[in-house]
PDB file of all heavy atoms in Angstrom:
ATOM      1  N   GLY A   1       0.797  -1.213   0.000  1.00  0.00           N
ATOM      2  CA  GLY A   1       0.000   0.000   0.000  1.00  0.00           C
ATOM      3  C   GLY A   1       0.834   1.269   0.000  1.00  0.00           C
ATOM      4  O   GLY A   1       0.386   2.306   0.477  1.00  0.00           O
ATOM      5  N   MET A   2       2.045   1.192  -0.546  1.00  0.00           N
ATOM      6  CA  MET A   2       2.957   2.333  -0.577  1.00  0.00           C
ATOM      7  C   MET A   2       2.946   2.972  -1.961  1.00  0.00           C
ATOM      8  O   MET A   2       2.796   2.278  -2.960  1.00  0.00           O
ATOM      9  CB  MET A   2       4.395   1.874  -0.286  1.00  0.00           C
ATOM     10  CG  MET A   2       4.617   1.311   1.089  1.00  0.00           C
ATOM     11  SD  MET A   2       4.527   2.546   2.389  1.00  0.00           S
ATOM     12  CE  MET A   2       5.926   3.564   2.001  1.00  0.00           C
ATOM     13  N   PRO A   3       3.161   4.294  -2.024  1.00  0.00           N
ATOM     14  CA  PRO A   3       3.345   4.936  -3.333  1.00  0.00           C
ATOM     15  C   PRO A   3       4.566   4.303  -3.995  1.00  0.00           C
ATOM     16  O   PRO A   3       5.566   4.043  -3.323  1.00  0.00           O
ATOM     17  CB  PRO A   3       3.613   6.401  -2.993  1.00  0.00           C
ATOM     18  CG  PRO A   3       3.228   6.573  -1.576  1.00  0.00           C
ATOM     19  CD  PRO A   3       3.270   5.228  -0.926  1.00  0.00           C
ATOM     20  N   PHE A   4       4.492   4.031  -5.266  1.00  0.00           N
ATOM     21  CA  PHE A   4       5.564   3.256  -5.884  1.00  0.00           C
ATOM     22  C   PHE A   4       6.216   3.902  -7.092  1.00  0.00           C
ATOM     23  O   PHE A   4       7.259   3.447  -7.537  1.00  0.00           O
ATOM     24  CB  PHE A   4       5.035   1.878  -6.296  1.00  0.00           C
ATOM     25  CG  PHE A   4       3.909   1.943  -7.280  1.00  0.00           C
ATOM     26  CD1 PHE A   4       4.138   1.982  -8.631  1.00  0.00           C
ATOM     27  CD2 PHE A   4       2.595   1.985  -6.829  1.00  0.00           C
ATOM     28  CE1 PHE A   4       3.083   2.063  -9.525  1.00  0.00           C
ATOM     29  CE2 PHE A   4       1.540   2.052  -7.713  1.00  0.00           C
ATOM     30  CZ  PHE A   4       1.784   2.099  -9.076  1.00  0.00           C
ATOM     31  N   GLU A   5       5.663   4.965  -7.654  1.00  0.00           N
ATOM     32  CA  GLU A   5       6.188   5.496  -8.903  1.00  0.00           C
ATOM     33  C   GLU A   5       7.638   5.968  -8.781  1.00  0.00           C
ATOM     34  O   GLU A   5       8.493   5.575  -9.574  1.00  0.00           O
ATOM     35  CB  GLU A   5       5.307   6.631  -9.436  1.00  0.00           C
ATOM     36  CG  GLU A   5       3.940   6.189  -9.886  1.00  0.00           C
ATOM     37  CD  GLU A   5       2.915   6.114  -8.745  1.00  0.00           C
ATOM     38  OE1 GLU A   5       3.246   6.444  -7.581  1.00  0.00           O
ATOM     39  OE2 GLU A   5       1.782   5.709  -9.025  1.00  0.00           O
ATOM     40  N   ALA A   6       7.938   6.812  -7.798  1.00  0.00           N
ATOM     41  CA  ALA A   6       9.306   7.305  -7.627  1.00  0.00           C
ATOM     42  C   ALA A   6      10.243   6.158  -7.262  1.00  0.00           C
ATOM     43  O   ALA A   6      11.352   6.055  -7.801  1.00  0.00           O
ATOM     44  CB  ALA A   6       9.362   8.393  -6.563  1.00  0.00           C
ATOM     45  N   ALA A   7       9.804   5.280  -6.377  1.00  0.00           N
ATOM     46  CA  ALA A   7      10.636   4.149  -5.956  1.00  0.00           C
ATOM     47  C   ALA A   7      10.939   3.230  -7.130  1.00  0.00           C
ATOM     48  O   ALA A   7      12.062   2.748  -7.270  1.00  0.00           O
ATOM     49  CB  ALA A   7       9.949   3.369  -4.841  1.00  0.00           C
ATOM     50  N   GLU A   8       9.951   2.999  -7.977  1.00  0.00           N
ATOM     51  CA  GLU A   8      10.156   2.156  -9.157  1.00  0.00           C
ATOM     52  C   GLU A   8      11.238   2.746 -10.062  1.00  0.00           C
ATOM     53  O   GLU A   8      12.081   2.021 -10.580  1.00  0.00           O
ATOM     54  CB  GLU A   8       8.836   2.057  -9.928  1.00  0.00           C
ATOM     55  CG  GLU A   8       8.453   0.677 -10.317  1.00  0.00           C
ATOM     56  CD  GLU A   8       7.116   0.643 -11.047  1.00  0.00           C
ATOM     57  OE1 GLU A   8       6.642   1.665 -11.560  1.00  0.00           O
ATOM     58  OE2 GLU A   8       6.571  -0.455 -11.101  1.00  0.00           O
ATOM     59  N   GLN A   9      11.220   4.063 -10.238  1.00  0.00           N
ATOM     60  CA  GLN A   9      12.224   4.713 -11.087  1.00  0.00           C
ATOM     61  C   GLN A   9      13.609   4.628 -10.456  1.00  0.00           C
ATOM     62  O   GLN A   9      14.590   4.385 -11.142  1.00  0.00           O
ATOM     63  CB  GLN A   9      11.847   6.176 -11.334  1.00  0.00           C
ATOM     64  CG  GLN A   9      12.741   6.876 -12.321  1.00  0.00           C
ATOM     65  CD  GLN A   9      12.683   6.267 -13.696  1.00  0.00           C
ATOM     66  OE1 GLN A   9      11.614   5.987 -14.225  1.00  0.00           O
ATOM     67  NE2 GLN A   9      13.834   6.033 -14.291  1.00  0.00           N
ATOM     68  N   ILE A  10      13.687   4.803  -9.137  1.00  0.00           N
ATOM     69  CA  ILE A  10      14.970   4.682  -8.443  1.00  0.00           C
ATOM     70  C   ILE A  10      15.511   3.268  -8.595  1.00  0.00           C
ATOM     71  O   ILE A  10      16.688   3.067  -8.904  1.00  0.00           O
ATOM     72  CB  ILE A  10      14.828   5.075  -6.961  1.00  0.00           C
ATOM     73  CG1 ILE A  10      14.562   6.573  -6.844  1.00  0.00           C
ATOM     74  CG2 ILE A  10      16.068   4.673  -6.164  1.00  0.00           C
ATOM     75  CD1 ILE A  10      14.146   7.020  -5.457  1.00  0.00           C
ATOM     76  N   VAL A  11      14.651   2.268  -8.381  1.00  0.00           N
ATOM     77  CA  VAL A  11      15.082   0.873  -8.544  1.00  0.00           C
ATOM     78  C   VAL A  11      15.573   0.637  -9.965  1.00  0.00           C
ATOM     79  O   VAL A  11      16.607   0.007 -10.175  1.00  0.00           O
ATOM     80  CB  VAL A  11      13.943  -0.112  -8.180  1.00  0.00           C
ATOM     81  CG1 VAL A  11      14.289  -1.536  -8.606  1.00  0.00           C
ATOM     82  CG2 VAL A  11      13.659  -0.060  -6.685  1.00  0.00           C
ATOM     83  N   ALA A  12      14.845   1.158 -10.948  1.00  0.00           N
ATOM     84  CA  ALA A  12      15.248   0.982 -12.347  1.00  0.00           C
ATOM     85  C   ALA A  12      16.651   1.530 -12.581  1.00  0.00           C
ATOM     86  O   ALA A  12      17.491   0.868 -13.224  1.00  0.00           O
ATOM     87  CB  ALA A  12      14.246   1.659 -13.274  1.00  0.00           C
ATOM     88  N   GLU A  13      16.932   2.719 -12.063  1.00  0.00           N
ATOM     89  CA  GLU A  13      18.246   3.335 -12.272  1.00  0.00           C
ATOM     90  C   GLU A  13      19.351   2.578 -11.539  1.00  0.00           C
ATOM     91  O   GLU A  13      20.405   2.300 -12.115  1.00  0.00           O
ATOM     92  CB  GLU A  13      18.224   4.801 -11.834  1.00  0.00           C
ATOM     93  CG  GLU A  13      17.297   5.678 -12.635  1.00  0.00           C
ATOM     94  CD  GLU A  13      17.606   5.723 -14.125  1.00  0.00           C
ATOM     95  OE1 GLU A  13      18.776   5.478 -14.528  1.00  0.00           O
ATOM     96  OE2 GLU A  13      16.682   5.998 -14.897  1.00  0.00           O
ATOM     97  N   LEU A  14      19.120   2.238 -10.274  1.00  0.00           N
ATOM     98  CA  LEU A  14      20.157   1.540  -9.512  1.00  0.00           C
ATOM     99  C   LEU A  14      20.397   0.125 -10.041  1.00  0.00           C
ATOM    100  O   LEU A  14      21.541  -0.330 -10.110  1.00  0.00           O
ATOM    101  CB  LEU A  14      19.795   1.511  -8.024  1.00  0.00           C
ATOM    102  CG  LEU A  14      19.727   2.867  -7.318  1.00  0.00           C
ATOM    103  CD1 LEU A  14      19.418   2.675  -5.838  1.00  0.00           C
ATOM    104  CD2 LEU A  14      20.996   3.669  -7.520  1.00  0.00           C
ATOM    105  N   ALA A  15      19.329  -0.566 -10.416  1.00  0.00           N
ATOM    106  CA  ALA A  15      19.482  -1.921 -10.960  1.00  0.00           C
ATOM    107  C   ALA A  15      20.171  -1.884 -12.316  1.00  0.00           C
ATOM    108  O   ALA A  15      21.014  -2.742 -12.618  1.00  0.00           O
ATOM    109  CB  ALA A  15      18.119  -2.598 -11.061  1.00  0.00           C
ATOM    110  N   ASN A  16      19.842  -0.898 -13.138  1.00  0.00           N
ATOM    111  CA  ASN A  16      20.510  -0.768 -14.431  1.00  0.00           C
ATOM    112  C   ASN A  16      22.003  -0.502 -14.236  1.00  0.00           C
ATOM    113  O   ASN A  16      22.837  -1.074 -14.941  1.00  0.00           O
ATOM    114  CB  ASN A  16      19.862   0.348 -15.253  1.00  0.00           C
ATOM    115  CG  ASN A  16      20.410   0.388 -16.648  1.00  0.00           C
ATOM    116  OD1 ASN A  16      20.392  -0.615 -17.356  1.00  0.00           O
ATOM    117  ND2 ASN A  16      20.910   1.539 -17.058  1.00  0.00           N
ATOM    118  N   ASN A  17      22.341   0.358 -13.264  1.00  0.00           N
ATOM    119  CA  ASN A  17      23.753   0.605 -12.983  1.00  0.00           C
ATOM    120  C   ASN A  17      24.452  -0.662 -12.501  1.00  0.00           C
ATOM    121  O   ASN A  17      25.601  -0.912 -12.861  1.00  0.00           O
ATOM    122  CB  ASN A  17      23.910   1.711 -11.939  1.00  0.00           C
ATOM    123  CG  ASN A  17      23.666   3.084 -12.523  1.00  0.00           C
ATOM    124  OD1 ASN A  17      23.556   3.258 -13.729  1.00  0.00           O
ATOM    125  ND2 ASN A  17      23.565   4.066 -11.653  1.00  0.00           N
ATOM    126  N   ALA A  18      23.766  -1.463 -11.682  1.00  0.00           N
ATOM    127  CA  ALA A  18      24.362  -2.715 -11.211  1.00  0.00           C
ATOM    128  C   ALA A  18      24.624  -3.661 -12.379  1.00  0.00           C
ATOM    129  O   ALA A  18      25.657  -4.326 -12.425  1.00  0.00           O
ATOM    130  CB  ALA A  18      23.450  -3.387 -10.188  1.00  0.00           C
ATOM    131  N   ALA A  19      23.695  -3.723 -13.321  1.00  0.00           N
ATOM    132  CA  ALA A  19      23.869  -4.597 -14.482  1.00  0.00           C
ATOM    133  C   ALA A  19      24.938  -4.064 -15.433  1.00  0.00           C
ATOM    134  O   ALA A  19      25.690  -4.845 -16.024  1.00  0.00           O
ATOM    135  CB  ALA A  19      22.538  -4.757 -15.215  1.00  0.00           C
ATOM    136  N   LEU A  20      25.012  -2.757 -15.569  1.00  0.00           N
ATOM    137  CA  LEU A  20      25.947  -2.152 -16.520  1.00  0.00           C
ATOM    138  C   LEU A  20      27.343  -1.981 -15.934  1.00  0.00           C
ATOM    139  O   LEU A  20      28.334  -2.372 -16.544  1.00  0.00           O
ATOM    140  CB  LEU A  20      25.395  -0.792 -16.961  1.00  0.00           C
ATOM    141  CG  LEU A  20      26.149  -0.060 -18.053  1.00  0.00           C
ATOM    142  CD1 LEU A  20      26.111  -0.871 -19.345  1.00  0.00           C
ATOM    143  CD2 LEU A  20      25.515   1.300 -18.282  1.00  0.00           C
ATOM    144  N   HIS A  21      27.451  -1.414 -14.743  1.00  0.00           N
ATOM    145  CA  HIS A  21      28.747  -1.082 -14.158  1.00  0.00           C
ATOM    146  C   HIS A  21      29.202  -2.048 -13.077  1.00  0.00           C
ATOM    147  O   HIS A  21      30.380  -2.078 -12.747  1.00  0.00           O
ATOM    148  CB  HIS A  21      28.711   0.328 -13.561  1.00  0.00           C
ATOM    149  CG  HIS A  21      28.297   1.375 -14.529  1.00  0.00           C
ATOM    150  ND1 HIS A  21      29.042   1.718 -15.626  1.00  0.00           N
ATOM    151  CD2 HIS A  21      27.181   2.156 -14.571  1.00  0.00           C
ATOM    152  CE1 HIS A  21      28.425   2.668 -16.309  1.00  0.00           C
ATOM    153  NE2 HIS A  21      27.280   2.946 -15.690  1.00  0.00           N
ATOM    154  N   GLY A  22      28.276  -2.813 -12.495  1.00  0.00           N
ATOM    155  CA  GLY A  22      28.617  -3.716 -11.408  1.00  0.00           C
ATOM    156  C   GLY A  22      28.635  -5.177 -11.818  1.00  0.00           C
ATOM    157  O   GLY A  22      28.745  -6.057 -10.958  1.00  0.00           O
ATOM    158  N   HIS A  23      28.536  -5.427 -13.111  1.00  0.00           N
ATOM    159  CA  HIS A  23      28.449  -6.805 -13.617  1.00  0.00           C
ATOM    160  C   HIS A  23      29.774  -7.545 -13.481  1.00  0.00           C
ATOM    161  O   HIS A  23      30.827  -7.034 -13.854  1.00  0.00           O
ATOM    162  CB  HIS A  23      28.025  -6.784 -15.086  1.00  0.00           C
ATOM    163  CG  HIS A  23      28.019  -8.131 -15.720  1.00  0.00           C
ATOM    164  ND1 HIS A  23      27.025  -9.046 -15.464  1.00  0.00           N
ATOM    165  CD2 HIS A  23      28.884  -8.730 -16.562  1.00  0.00           C
ATOM    166  CE1 HIS A  23      27.283 -10.151 -16.152  1.00  0.00           C
ATOM    167  NE2 HIS A  23      28.400  -9.979 -16.813  1.00  0.00           N
ATOM    168  N   VAL A  24      29.707  -8.721 -12.927  1.00  0.00           N
ATOM    169  CA  VAL A  24      30.809  -9.677 -12.887  1.00  0.00           C
ATOM    170  C   VAL A  24      30.216 -10.983 -13.389  1.00  0.00           C
ATOM    171  O   VAL A  24      29.184 -11.426 -12.870  1.00  0.00           O
ATOM    172  CB  VAL A  24      31.361  -9.854 -11.453  1.00  0.00           C
ATOM    173  CG1 VAL A  24      32.370 -10.991 -11.396  1.00  0.00           C
ATOM    174  CG2 VAL A  24      31.967  -8.568 -10.943  1.00  0.00           C
ATOM    175  N   PRO A  25      30.822 -11.606 -14.417  1.00  0.00           N
ATOM    176  CA  PRO A  25      30.247 -12.850 -14.942  1.00  0.00           C
ATOM    177  C   PRO A  25      29.998 -13.874 -13.832  1.00  0.00           C
ATOM    178  O   PRO A  25      30.835 -14.107 -12.969  1.00  0.00           O
ATOM    179  CB  PRO A  25      31.312 -13.348 -15.922  1.00  0.00           C
ATOM    180  CG  PRO A  25      32.025 -12.094 -16.347  1.00  0.00           C
ATOM    181  CD  PRO A  25      32.039 -11.214 -15.128  1.00  0.00           C
TER     182      PRO A  25
END
């Protein structure tokens, strides 16, 4: 029951950075 729009965008950015810059095979 929490507002999710801003949090969803933050997760998208941080997760994308983890996949792009934090990736280790």
